[in-house]
């Protein structure tokens, strides 16, 4: 089996999705974007060396590898996922709250 065939099989069986949704209960982050993380993991797999993916699959260790990647991305504040999605969402939420507060304060003033 080739790397692309393996990733296609993972996609058809929703393996990455199952791993992510099981791990979501461990994450206490209100800004989680599981669909984005799933796509990032598939992209990461496509960028990995062909031999690595094929060897892990043949040894039956690809599931553990996916679990490790997903856990590190979802639960670490140093992960690419955190910096790309979570940190941005958290800051945009703070900005929205601040803007709403300013708007509410200005609403009572007469110009």
PDB file of N, CA and C in Angstrom:
ATOM      1  N   UNK A   1       0.841  -1.190   0.000  1.00  0.00           N
ATOM      2  CA  UNK A   1       0.000   0.000   0.000  1.00  0.00           C
ATOM      3  C   UNK A   1       0.879   1.243   0.000  1.00  0.00           C
ATOM      4  N   UNK A   2       0.451   2.254  -0.728  1.00  0.00           N
ATOM      5  CA  UNK A   2       1.197   3.512  -0.761  1.00  0.00           C
ATOM      6  C   UNK A   2       0.697   4.441   0.344  1.00  0.00           C
ATOM      7  N   UNK A   3       1.451   5.513   0.556  1.00  0.00           N
ATOM      8  CA  UNK A   3       1.071   6.487   1.583  1.00  0.00           C
ATOM      9  C   UNK A   3      -0.294   7.085   1.272  1.00  0.00           C
ATOM     10  N   UNK A   4      -0.535   7.433   0.036  1.00  0.00           N
ATOM     11  CA  UNK A   4      -1.813   8.053  -0.339  1.00  0.00           C
ATOM     12  C   UNK A   4      -2.962   7.069  -0.121  1.00  0.00           C
ATOM     13  N   UNK A   5      -2.767   5.818  -0.429  1.00  0.00           N
ATOM     14  CA  UNK A   5      -3.808   4.808  -0.200  1.00  0.00           C
ATOM     15  C   UNK A   5      -4.091   4.633   1.289  1.00  0.00           C
ATOM     16  N   UNK A   6      -3.046   4.679   2.093  1.00  0.00           N
ATOM     17  CA  UNK A   6      -3.206   4.556   3.545  1.00  0.00           C
ATOM     18  C   UNK A   6      -3.998   5.739   4.091  1.00  0.00           C
ATOM     19  N   UNK A   7      -3.636   6.942   3.655  1.00  0.00           N
ATOM     20  CA  UNK A   7      -4.338   8.138   4.128  1.00  0.00           C
ATOM     21  C   UNK A   7      -5.785   8.125   3.640  1.00  0.00           C
ATOM     22  N   UNK A   8      -6.005   7.644   2.431  1.00  0.00           N
ATOM     23  CA  UNK A   8      -7.365   7.520   1.917  1.00  0.00           C
ATOM     24  C   UNK A   8      -8.176   6.548   2.778  1.00  0.00           C
ATOM     25  N   UNK A   9      -7.562   5.450   3.168  1.00  0.00           N
ATOM     26  CA  UNK A   9      -8.242   4.475   4.040  1.00  0.00           C
ATOM     27  C   UNK A   9      -8.563   5.092   5.402  1.00  0.00           C
ATOM     28  N   UNK A  10      -7.615   5.863   5.945  1.00  0.00           N
ATOM     29  CA  UNK A  10      -7.859   6.549   7.224  1.00  0.00           C
ATOM     30  C   UNK A  10      -9.034   7.514   7.095  1.00  0.00           C
ATOM     31  N   UNK A  11      -9.089   8.202   5.980  1.00  0.00           N
ATOM     32  CA  UNK A  11     -10.162   9.166   5.750  1.00  0.00           C
ATOM     33  C   UNK A  11     -11.521   8.476   5.624  1.00  0.00           C
ATOM     34  N   UNK A  12     -11.557   7.392   4.895  1.00  0.00           N
ATOM     35  CA  UNK A  12     -12.827   6.671   4.700  1.00  0.00           C
ATOM     36  C   UNK A  12     -13.346   6.042   5.999  1.00  0.00           C
ATOM     37  N   UNK A  13     -12.424   5.648   6.865  1.00  0.00           N
ATOM     38  CA  UNK A  13     -12.828   5.024   8.134  1.00  0.00           C
ATOM     39  C   UNK A  13     -12.970   6.043   9.269  1.00  0.00           C
ATOM     40  N   UNK A  14     -12.737   7.329   8.958  1.00  0.00           N
ATOM     41  CA  UNK A  14     -12.835   8.418   9.954  1.00  0.00           C
ATOM     42  C   UNK A  14     -11.949   8.191  11.166  1.00  0.00           C
ATOM     43  N   UNK A  15     -10.799   7.608  10.970  1.00  0.00           N
ATOM     44  CA  UNK A  15      -9.894   7.299  12.075  1.00  0.00           C
ATOM     45  C   UNK A  15      -9.440   8.550  12.809  1.00  0.00           C
ATOM     46  N   UNK A  16      -8.992   9.550  12.073  1.00  0.00           N
ATOM     47  CA  UNK A  16      -8.507  10.782  12.707  1.00  0.00           C
ATOM     48  C   UNK A  16      -9.654  11.479  13.440  1.00  0.00           C
ATOM     49  N   UNK A  17     -10.814  11.503  12.820  1.00  0.00           N
ATOM     50  CA  UNK A  17     -11.977  12.131  13.443  1.00  0.00           C
ATOM     51  C   UNK A  17     -12.327  11.460  14.768  1.00  0.00           C
ATOM     52  N   UNK A  18     -12.302  10.148  14.800  1.00  0.00           N
ATOM     53  CA  UNK A  18     -12.615   9.416  16.029  1.00  0.00           C
ATOM     54  C   UNK A  18     -11.615   9.746  17.128  1.00  0.00           C
ATOM     55  N   UNK A  19     -10.351   9.815  16.772  1.00  0.00           N
ATOM     56  CA  UNK A  19      -9.310  10.137  17.758  1.00  0.00           C
ATOM     57  C   UNK A  19      -9.527  11.543  18.313  1.00  0.00           C
ATOM     58  N   UNK A  20      -9.752  12.515  17.435  1.00  0.00           N
ATOM     59  CA  UNK A  20      -9.923  13.908  17.862  1.00  0.00           C
ATOM     60  C   UNK A  20     -11.130  14.052  18.782  1.00  0.00           C
ATOM     61  N   UNK A  21     -12.254  13.480  18.407  1.00  0.00           N
ATOM     62  CA  UNK A  21     -13.466  13.659  19.211  1.00  0.00           C
ATOM     63  C   UNK A  21     -13.381  12.931  20.551  1.00  0.00           C
ATOM     64  N   UNK A  22     -12.585  11.868  20.631  1.00  0.00           N
ATOM     65  CA  UNK A  22     -12.369  11.228  21.935  1.00  0.00           C
ATOM     66  C   UNK A  22     -11.478  12.092  22.823  1.00  0.00           C
ATOM     67  N   UNK A  23     -10.527  12.783  22.217  1.00  0.00           N
ATOM     68  CA  UNK A  23      -9.615  13.626  22.985  1.00  0.00           C
ATOM     69  C   UNK A  23     -10.226  14.965  23.391  1.00  0.00           C
ATOM     70  N   UNK A  24     -11.270  15.391  22.712  1.00  0.00           N
ATOM     71  CA  UNK A  24     -11.863  16.697  23.014  1.00  0.00           C
ATOM     72  C   UNK A  24     -12.314  16.830  24.457  1.00  0.00           C
ATOM     73  N   UNK A  25     -12.739  15.726  25.062  1.00  0.00           N
ATOM     74  CA  UNK A  25     -13.170  15.800  26.455  1.00  0.00           C
ATOM     75  C   UNK A  25     -12.004  16.128  27.388  1.00  0.00           C
ATOM     76  N   UNK A  26     -10.778  15.833  26.964  1.00  0.00           N
ATOM     77  CA  UNK A  26      -9.593  16.146  27.768  1.00  0.00           C
ATOM     78  C   UNK A  26      -9.221  17.620  27.661  1.00  0.00           C
ATOM     79  N   UNK A  27      -9.626  18.239  26.568  1.00  0.00           N
ATOM     80  CA  UNK A  27      -9.312  19.640  26.356  1.00  0.00           C
ATOM     81  C   UNK A  27     -10.351  20.503  27.061  1.00  0.00           C
ATOM     82  N   UNK A  28      -9.897  21.449  27.808  1.00  0.00           N
ATOM     83  CA  UNK A  28     -10.798  22.350  28.527  1.00  0.00           C
ATOM     84  C   UNK A  28     -10.934  23.686  27.793  1.00  0.00           C
ATOM     85  N   UNK A  29     -10.517  23.722  26.538  1.00  0.00           N
ATOM     86  CA  UNK A  29     -10.500  24.952  25.783  1.00  0.00           C
ATOM     87  C   UNK A  29     -11.848  25.209  25.122  1.00  0.00           C
ATOM     88  N   UNK A  30     -12.488  26.333  25.389  1.00  0.00           N
ATOM     89  CA  UNK A  30     -13.796  26.617  24.786  1.00  0.00           C
ATOM     90  C   UNK A  30     -13.713  26.993  23.308  1.00  0.00           C
ATOM     91  N   UNK A  31     -12.505  27.216  22.793  1.00  0.00           N
ATOM     92  CA  UNK A  31     -12.334  27.657  21.417  1.00  0.00           C
ATOM     93  C   UNK A  31     -11.868  26.544  20.481  1.00  0.00           C
ATOM     94  N   UNK A  32     -11.972  25.295  20.884  1.00  0.00           N
ATOM     95  CA  UNK A  32     -11.486  24.201  20.053  1.00  0.00           C
ATOM     96  C   UNK A  32     -12.159  24.184  18.688  1.00  0.00           C
ATOM     97  N   UNK A  33     -11.374  23.876  17.675  1.00  0.00           N
ATOM     98  CA  UNK A  33     -11.839  23.792  16.292  1.00  0.00           C
ATOM     99  C   UNK A  33     -11.499  22.398  15.765  1.00  0.00           C
ATOM    100  N   UNK A  34     -12.269  21.381  16.151  1.00  0.00           N
ATOM    101  CA  UNK A  34     -11.886  20.014  15.787  1.00  0.00           C
ATOM    102  C   UNK A  34     -11.802  19.783  14.280  1.00  0.00           C
ATOM    103  N   UNK A  35     -12.656  20.418  13.504  1.00  0.00           N
ATOM    104  CA  UNK A  35     -12.619  20.209  12.057  1.00  0.00           C
ATOM    105  C   UNK A  35     -11.313  20.728  11.471  1.00  0.00           C
ATOM    106  N   UNK A  36     -10.841  21.856  11.974  1.00  0.00           N
ATOM    107  CA  UNK A  36      -9.569  22.404  11.500  1.00  0.00           C
ATOM    108  C   UNK A  36      -8.407  21.504  11.897  1.00  0.00           C
ATOM    109  N   UNK A  37      -8.446  20.986  13.108  1.00  0.00           N
ATOM    110  CA  UNK A  37      -7.387  20.094  13.566  1.00  0.00           C
ATOM    111  C   UNK A  37      -7.363  18.816  12.736  1.00  0.00           C
ATOM    112  N   UNK A  38      -8.513  18.285  12.412  1.00  0.00           N
ATOM    113  CA  UNK A  38      -8.594  17.076  11.586  1.00  0.00           C
ATOM    114  C   UNK A  38      -7.935  17.335  10.230  1.00  0.00           C
ATOM    115  N   UNK A  39      -8.276  18.445   9.613  1.00  0.00           N
ATOM    116  CA  UNK A  39      -7.680  18.771   8.314  1.00  0.00           C
ATOM    117  C   UNK A  39      -6.172  18.975   8.425  1.00  0.00           C
ATOM    118  N   UNK A  40      -5.730  19.613   9.500  1.00  0.00           N
ATOM    119  CA  UNK A  40      -4.293  19.819   9.704  1.00  0.00           C
ATOM    120  C   UNK A  40      -3.554  18.495   9.842  1.00  0.00           C
ATOM    121  N   UNK A  41      -4.155  17.540  10.519  1.00  0.00           N
ATOM    122  CA  UNK A  41      -3.501  16.243  10.695  1.00  0.00           C
ATOM    123  C   UNK A  41      -3.407  15.503   9.362  1.00  0.00           C
ATOM    124  N   UNK A  42      -4.462  15.540   8.568  1.00  0.00           N
ATOM    125  CA  UNK A  42      -4.388  14.919   7.238  1.00  0.00           C
ATOM    126  C   UNK A  42      -3.320  15.599   6.382  1.00  0.00           C
ATOM    127  N   UNK A  43      -3.247  16.911   6.446  1.00  0.00           N
ATOM    128  CA  UNK A  43      -2.227  17.640   5.709  1.00  0.00           C
ATOM    129  C   UNK A  43      -0.831  17.250   6.184  1.00  0.00           C
ATOM    130  N   UNK A  44      -0.653  17.165   7.483  1.00  0.00           N
ATOM    131  CA  UNK A  44       0.626  16.760   8.051  1.00  0.00           C
ATOM    132  C   UNK A  44       1.028  15.367   7.559  1.00  0.00           C
ATOM    133  N   UNK A  45       0.068  14.444   7.540  1.00  0.00           N
ATOM    134  CA  UNK A  45       0.348  13.087   7.054  1.00  0.00           C
ATOM    135  C   UNK A  45       0.775  13.100   5.589  1.00  0.00           C
ATOM    136  N   UNK A  46       0.133  13.919   4.787  1.00  0.00           N
ATOM    137  CA  UNK A  46       0.497  14.009   3.376  1.00  0.00           C
ATOM    138  C   UNK A  46       1.888  14.592   3.180  1.00  0.00           C
ATOM    139  N   UNK A  47       2.340  15.408   4.117  1.00  0.00           N
ATOM    140  CA  UNK A  47       3.661  16.023   4.012  1.00  0.00           C
ATOM    141  C   UNK A  47       4.775  15.139   4.564  1.00  0.00           C
ATOM    142  N   UNK A  48       4.423  14.131   5.340  1.00  0.00           N
ATOM    143  CA  UNK A  48       5.425  13.232   5.918  1.00  0.00           C
ATOM    144  C   UNK A  48       6.048  12.353   4.843  1.00  0.00           C
ATOM    145  N   UNK A  49       7.219  11.835   5.155  1.00  0.00           N
ATOM    146  CA  UNK A  49       7.924  10.934   4.256  1.00  0.00           C
ATOM    147  C   UNK A  49       7.089   9.676   3.998  1.00  0.00           C
ATOM    148  N   UNK A  50       7.047   9.248   2.748  1.00  0.00           N
ATOM    149  CA  UNK A  50       6.257   8.077   2.375  1.00  0.00           C
ATOM    150  C   UNK A  50       6.638   6.846   3.183  1.00  0.00           C
ATOM    151  N   UNK A  51       7.937   6.620   3.321  1.00  0.00           N
ATOM    152  CA  UNK A  51       8.412   5.423   4.027  1.00  0.00           C
ATOM    153  C   UNK A  51       7.963   5.401   5.485  1.00  0.00           C
ATOM    154  N   UNK A  52       7.956   6.553   6.131  1.00  0.00           N
ATOM    155  CA  UNK A  52       7.538   6.623   7.528  1.00  0.00           C
ATOM    156  C   UNK A  52       6.093   6.152   7.682  1.00  0.00           C
ATOM    157  N   UNK A  53       5.200   6.689   6.869  1.00  0.00           N
ATOM    158  CA  UNK A  53       3.777   6.334   6.969  1.00  0.00           C
ATOM    159  C   UNK A  53       3.563   4.861   6.632  1.00  0.00           C
ATOM    160  N   UNK A  54       4.188   4.395   5.570  1.00  0.00           N
ATOM    161  CA  UNK A  54       4.024   2.994   5.158  1.00  0.00           C
ATOM    162  C   UNK A  54       4.567   2.052   6.222  1.00  0.00           C
ATOM    163  N   UNK A  55       5.735   2.364   6.778  1.00  0.00           N
ATOM    164  CA  UNK A  55       6.326   1.503   7.818  1.00  0.00           C
ATOM    165  C   UNK A  55       5.468   1.470   9.083  1.00  0.00           C
ATOM    166  N   UNK A  56       4.976   2.631   9.504  1.00  0.00           N
ATOM    167  CA  UNK A  56       4.110   2.669  10.687  1.00  0.00           C
ATOM    168  C   UNK A  56       2.829   1.870  10.437  1.00  0.00           C
ATOM    169  N   UNK A  57       2.281   1.979   9.256  1.00  0.00           N
ATOM    170  CA  UNK A  57       1.067   1.237   8.903  1.00  0.00           C
ATOM    171  C   UNK A  57       1.333  -0.265   8.916  1.00  0.00           C
ATOM    172  N   UNK A  58       2.431  -0.675   8.294  1.00  0.00           N
ATOM    173  CA  UNK A  58       2.756  -2.105   8.219  1.00  0.00           C
ATOM    174  C   UNK A  58       3.043  -2.717   9.588  1.00  0.00           C
ATOM    175  N   UNK A  59       3.583  -1.919  10.501  1.00  0.00           N
ATOM    176  CA  UNK A  59       3.864  -2.399  11.861  1.00  0.00           C
ATOM    177  C   UNK A  59       2.626  -2.330  12.755  1.00  0.00           C
ATOM    178  N   UNK A  60       1.566  -1.692  12.283  1.00  0.00           N
ATOM    179  CA  UNK A  60       0.370  -1.526  13.090  1.00  0.00           C
ATOM    180  C   UNK A  60       0.501  -0.417  14.118  1.00  0.00           C
ATOM    181  N   UNK A  61       1.410   0.520  13.884  1.00  0.00           N
ATOM    182  CA  UNK A  61       1.681   1.590  14.846  1.00  0.00           C
ATOM    183  C   UNK A  61       1.154   2.954  14.389  1.00  0.00           C
ATOM    184  N   UNK A  62       0.492   2.999  13.260  1.00  0.00           N
ATOM    185  CA  UNK A  62       0.021   4.286  12.744  1.00  0.00           C
ATOM    186  C   UNK A  62      -1.039   4.909  13.652  1.00  0.00           C
ATOM    187  N   UNK A  63      -1.881   4.098  14.254  1.00  0.00           N
ATOM    188  CA  UNK A  63      -2.893   4.614  15.182  1.00  0.00           C
ATOM    189  C   UNK A  63      -2.264   5.299  16.387  1.00  0.00           C
ATOM    190  N   UNK A  64      -1.197   4.700  16.930  1.00  0.00           N
ATOM    191  CA  UNK A  64      -0.493   5.312  18.066  1.00  0.00           C
ATOM    192  C   UNK A  64       0.175   6.616  17.649  1.00  0.00           C
ATOM    193  N   UNK A  65       0.707   6.634  16.445  1.00  0.00           N
ATOM    194  CA  UNK A  65       1.345   7.836  15.913  1.00  0.00           C
ATOM    195  C   UNK A  65       0.315   8.956  15.771  1.00  0.00           C
ATOM    196  N   UNK A  66      -0.850   8.626  15.244  1.00  0.00           N
ATOM    197  CA  UNK A  66      -1.922   9.614  15.103  1.00  0.00           C
ATOM    198  C   UNK A  66      -2.405  10.122  16.457  1.00  0.00           C
ATOM    199  N   UNK A  67      -2.519   9.232  17.409  1.00  0.00           N
ATOM    200  CA  UNK A  67      -2.929   9.618  18.756  1.00  0.00           C
ATOM    201  C   UNK A  67      -1.930  10.589  19.369  1.00  0.00           C
ATOM    202  N   UNK A  68      -0.646  10.302  19.192  1.00  0.00           N
ATOM    203  CA  UNK A  68       0.398  11.176  19.729  1.00  0.00           C
ATOM    204  C   UNK A  68       0.325  12.562  19.088  1.00  0.00           C
ATOM    205  N   UNK A  69       0.180  12.598  17.772  1.00  0.00           N
ATOM    206  CA  UNK A  69       0.083  13.885  17.076  1.00  0.00           C
ATOM    207  C   UNK A  69      -1.145  14.655  17.553  1.00  0.00           C
ATOM    208  N   UNK A  70      -2.281  13.995  17.580  1.00  0.00           N
ATOM    209  CA  UNK A  70      -3.530  14.657  17.965  1.00  0.00           C
ATOM    210  C   UNK A  70      -3.465  15.162  19.402  1.00  0.00           C
ATOM    211  N   UNK A  71      -2.956  14.348  20.310  1.00  0.00           N
ATOM    212  CA  UNK A  71      -2.868  14.755  21.708  1.00  0.00           C
ATOM    213  C   UNK A  71      -1.939  15.951  21.863  1.00  0.00           C
ATOM    214  N   UNK A  72      -0.793  15.909  21.203  1.00  0.00           N
ATOM    215  CA  UNK A  72       0.145  17.028  21.308  1.00  0.00           C
ATOM    216  C   UNK A  72      -0.452  18.310  20.725  1.00  0.00           C
ATOM    217  N   UNK A  73      -1.116  18.202  19.590  1.00  0.00           N
ATOM    218  CA  UNK A  73      -1.706  19.388  18.967  1.00  0.00           C
ATOM    219  C   UNK A  73      -2.856  19.946  19.806  1.00  0.00           C
ATOM    220  N   UNK A  74      -3.699  19.081  20.303  1.00  0.00           N
ATOM    221  CA  UNK A  74      -4.905  19.518  21.008  1.00  0.00           C
ATOM    222  C   UNK A  74      -4.631  20.018  22.418  1.00  0.00           C
ATOM    223  N   UNK A  75      -3.686  19.412  23.113  1.00  0.00           N
ATOM    224  CA  UNK A  75      -3.511  19.714  24.533  1.00  0.00           C
ATOM    225  C   UNK A  75      -2.309  20.593  24.860  1.00  0.00           C
ATOM    226  N   UNK A  76      -1.466  20.890  23.895  1.00  0.00           N
ATOM    227  CA  UNK A  76      -0.272  21.689  24.162  1.00  0.00           C
ATOM    228  C   UNK A  76      -0.486  23.147  23.767  1.00  0.00           C
ATOM    229  N   UNK A  77      -0.076  24.052  24.648  1.00  0.00           N
ATOM    230  CA  UNK A  77      -0.167  25.476  24.317  1.00  0.00           C
ATOM    231  C   UNK A  77       1.006  25.913  23.443  1.00  0.00           C
ATOM    232  N   UNK A  78       1.903  25.002  23.131  1.00  0.00           N
ATOM    233  CA  UNK A  78       3.027  25.302  22.250  1.00  0.00           C
ATOM    234  C   UNK A  78       2.842  24.713  20.856  1.00  0.00           C
ATOM    235  N   UNK A  79       1.689  24.140  20.592  1.00  0.00           N
ATOM    236  CA  UNK A  79       1.466  23.471  19.306  1.00  0.00           C
ATOM    237  C   UNK A  79       1.099  24.464  18.212  1.00  0.00           C
ATOM    238  N   UNK A  80       1.298  24.046  16.974  1.00  0.00           N
ATOM    239  CA  UNK A  80       0.912  24.860  15.814  1.00  0.00           C
ATOM    240  C   UNK A  80      -0.601  25.104  15.831  1.00  0.00           C
ATOM    241  N   UNK A  81      -1.359  24.082  16.185  1.00  0.00           N
ATOM    242  CA  UNK A  81      -2.824  24.201  16.260  1.00  0.00           C
ATOM    243  C   UNK A  81      -3.227  25.296  17.243  1.00  0.00           C
ATOM    244  N   UNK A  82      -2.596  25.326  18.416  1.00  0.00           N
ATOM    245  CA  UNK A  82      -2.926  26.332  19.423  1.00  0.00           C
ATOM    246  C   UNK A  82      -2.661  27.730  18.890  1.00  0.00           C
ATOM    247  N   UNK A  83      -1.481  27.924  18.311  1.00  0.00           N
ATOM    248  CA  UNK A  83      -1.124  29.252  17.827  1.00  0.00           C
ATOM    249  C   UNK A  83      -1.941  29.669  16.610  1.00  0.00           C
ATOM    250  N   UNK A  84      -2.314  28.714  15.780  1.00  0.00           N
ATOM    251  CA  UNK A  84      -3.051  29.047  14.571  1.00  0.00           C
ATOM    252  C   UNK A  84      -4.522  29.329  14.842  1.00  0.00           C
ATOM    253  N   UNK A  85      -5.151  28.551  15.710  1.00  0.00           N
ATOM    254  CA  UNK A  85      -6.604  28.642  15.888  1.00  0.00           C
ATOM    255  C   UNK A  85      -7.033  29.142  17.262  1.00  0.00           C
ATOM    256  N   UNK A  86      -6.516  28.552  18.309  1.00  0.00           N
ATOM    257  CA  UNK A  86      -7.004  28.829  19.656  1.00  0.00           C
ATOM    258  C   UNK A  86      -6.605  30.219  20.133  1.00  0.00           C
ATOM    259  N   UNK A  87      -5.338  30.548  20.017  1.00  0.00           N
ATOM    260  CA  UNK A  87      -4.864  31.834  20.495  1.00  0.00           C
ATOM    261  C   UNK A  87      -5.555  32.975  19.745  1.00  0.00           C
ATOM    262  N   UNK A  88      -5.699  32.818  18.452  1.00  0.00           N
ATOM    263  CA  UNK A  88      -6.383  33.830  17.648  1.00  0.00           C
ATOM    264  C   UNK A  88      -7.840  33.967  18.076  1.00  0.00           C
ATOM    265  N   UNK A  89      -8.525  32.849  18.268  1.00  0.00           N
ATOM    266  CA  UNK A  89      -9.933  32.893  18.666  1.00  0.00           C
ATOM    267  C   UNK A  89     -10.088  33.526  20.044  1.00  0.00           C
ATOM    268  N   UNK A  90      -9.182  33.207  20.954  1.00  0.00           N
ATOM    269  CA  UNK A  90      -9.260  33.768  22.300  1.00  0.00           C
ATOM    270  C   UNK A  90      -9.081  35.286  22.262  1.00  0.00           C
ATOM    271  N   UNK A  91      -8.138  35.752  21.461  1.00  0.00           N
ATOM    272  CA  UNK A  91      -7.913  37.191  21.374  1.00  0.00           C
ATOM    273  C   UNK A  91      -9.053  37.897  20.651  1.00  0.00           C
ATOM    274  N   UNK A  92      -9.606  37.273  19.634  1.00  0.00           N
ATOM    275  CA  UNK A  92     -10.712  37.923  18.938  1.00  0.00           C
ATOM    276  C   UNK A  92     -11.942  37.997  19.830  1.00  0.00           C
ATOM    277  N   UNK A  93     -12.126  37.015  20.709  1.00  0.00           N
ATOM    278  CA  UNK A  93     -13.232  37.058  21.659  1.00  0.00           C
ATOM    279  C   UNK A  93     -13.036  38.198  22.653  1.00  0.00           C
ATOM    280  N   UNK A  94     -11.799  38.400  23.105  1.00  0.00           N
ATOM    281  CA  UNK A  94     -11.515  39.500  24.031  1.00  0.00           C
ATOM    282  C   UNK A  94     -11.752  40.846  23.350  1.00  0.00           C
ATOM    283  N   UNK A  95     -11.370  40.964  22.102  1.00  0.00           N
ATOM    284  CA  UNK A  95     -11.560  42.207  21.362  1.00  0.00           C
ATOM    285  C   UNK A  95     -13.051  42.485  21.184  1.00  0.00           C
ATOM    286  N   UNK A  96     -13.818  41.450  20.870  1.00  0.00           N
ATOM    287  CA  UNK A  96     -15.265  41.613  20.707  1.00  0.00           C
ATOM    288  C   UNK A  96     -15.908  42.066  22.007  1.00  0.00           C
ATOM    289  N   UNK A  97     -15.516  41.469  23.128  1.00  0.00           N
ATOM    290  CA  UNK A  97     -16.064  41.870  24.423  1.00  0.00           C
ATOM    291  C   UNK A  97     -15.713  43.322  24.729  1.00  0.00           C
ATOM    292  N   UNK A  98     -14.460  43.708  24.455  1.00  0.00           N
ATOM    293  CA  UNK A  98     -14.037  45.084  24.718  1.00  0.00           C
ATOM    294  C   UNK A  98     -14.811  46.061  23.844  1.00  0.00           C
ATOM    295  N   UNK A  99     -15.001  45.723  22.587  1.00  0.00           N
ATOM    296  CA  UNK A  99     -15.747  46.598  21.680  1.00  0.00           C
ATOM    297  C   UNK A  99     -17.196  46.737  22.133  1.00  0.00           C
ATOM    298  N   UNK A 100     -17.794  45.659  22.567  1.00  0.00           N
ATOM    299  CA  UNK A 100     -19.177  45.711  23.046  1.00  0.00           C
ATOM    300  C   UNK A 100     -19.293  46.543  24.305  1.00  0.00           C
ATOM    301  N   UNK A 101     -18.309  46.453  25.178  1.00  0.00           N
ATOM    302  CA  UNK A 101     -18.310  47.236  26.406  1.00  0.00           C
ATOM    303  C   UNK A 101     -18.220  48.722  26.080  1.00  0.00           C
ATOM    304  N   UNK A 102     -17.330  49.080  25.168  1.00  0.00           N
ATOM    305  CA  UNK A 102     -17.176  50.485  24.780  1.00  0.00           C
ATOM    306  C   UNK A 102     -18.457  50.983  24.131  1.00  0.00           C
ATOM    307  N   UNK A 103     -19.052  50.176  23.274  1.00  0.00           N
ATOM    308  CA  UNK A 103     -20.294  50.562  22.602  1.00  0.00           C
ATOM    309  C   UNK A 103     -21.406  50.788  23.623  1.00  0.00           C
ATOM    310  N   UNK A 104     -21.515  49.930  24.609  1.00  0.00           N
ATOM    311  CA  UNK A 104     -22.563  50.052  25.629  1.00  0.00           C
ATOM    312  C   UNK A 104     -22.347  51.321  26.455  1.00  0.00           C
ATOM    313  N   UNK A 105     -21.067  51.651  26.769  1.00  0.00           N
ATOM    314  CA  UNK A 105     -20.787  52.838  27.555  1.00  0.00           C
ATOM    315  C   UNK A 105     -21.133  54.102  26.770  1.00  0.00           C
ATOM    316  N   UNK A 106     -20.809  54.105  25.448  1.00  0.00           N
ATOM    317  CA  UNK A 106     -21.069  55.268  24.612  1.00  0.00           C
ATOM    318  C   UNK A 106     -22.559  55.432  24.303  1.00  0.00           C
ATOM    319  N   UNK A 107     -23.307  54.385  24.398  1.00  0.00           N
ATOM    320  CA  UNK A 107     -24.719  54.400  24.058  1.00  0.00           C
ATOM    321  C   UNK A 107     -25.504  55.342  24.983  1.00  0.00           C
ATOM    322  N   UNK A 108     -25.091  55.435  26.241  1.00  0.00           N
ATOM    323  CA  UNK A 108     -25.814  56.279  27.199  1.00  0.00           C
ATOM    324  C   UNK A 108     -25.484  57.760  27.089  1.00  0.00           C
ATOM    325  N   UNK A 109     -24.429  58.085  26.343  1.00  0.00           N
ATOM    326  CA  UNK A 109     -24.034  59.496  26.213  1.00  0.00           C
ATOM    327  C   UNK A 109     -24.825  60.185  25.116  1.00  0.00           C
ATOM    328  N   UNK A 110     -25.065  61.469  25.367  1.00  0.00           N
ATOM    329  CA  UNK A 110     -25.731  62.285  24.346  1.00  0.00           C
ATOM    330  C   UNK A 110     -24.670  63.215  23.774  1.00  0.00           C
ATOM    331  N   UNK A 111     -24.556  63.225  22.449  1.00  0.00           N
ATOM    332  CA  UNK A 111     -23.531  64.062  21.793  1.00  0.00           C
ATOM    333  C   UNK A 111     -24.071  65.409  21.432  1.00  0.00           C
TER     334      UNK A 111
END
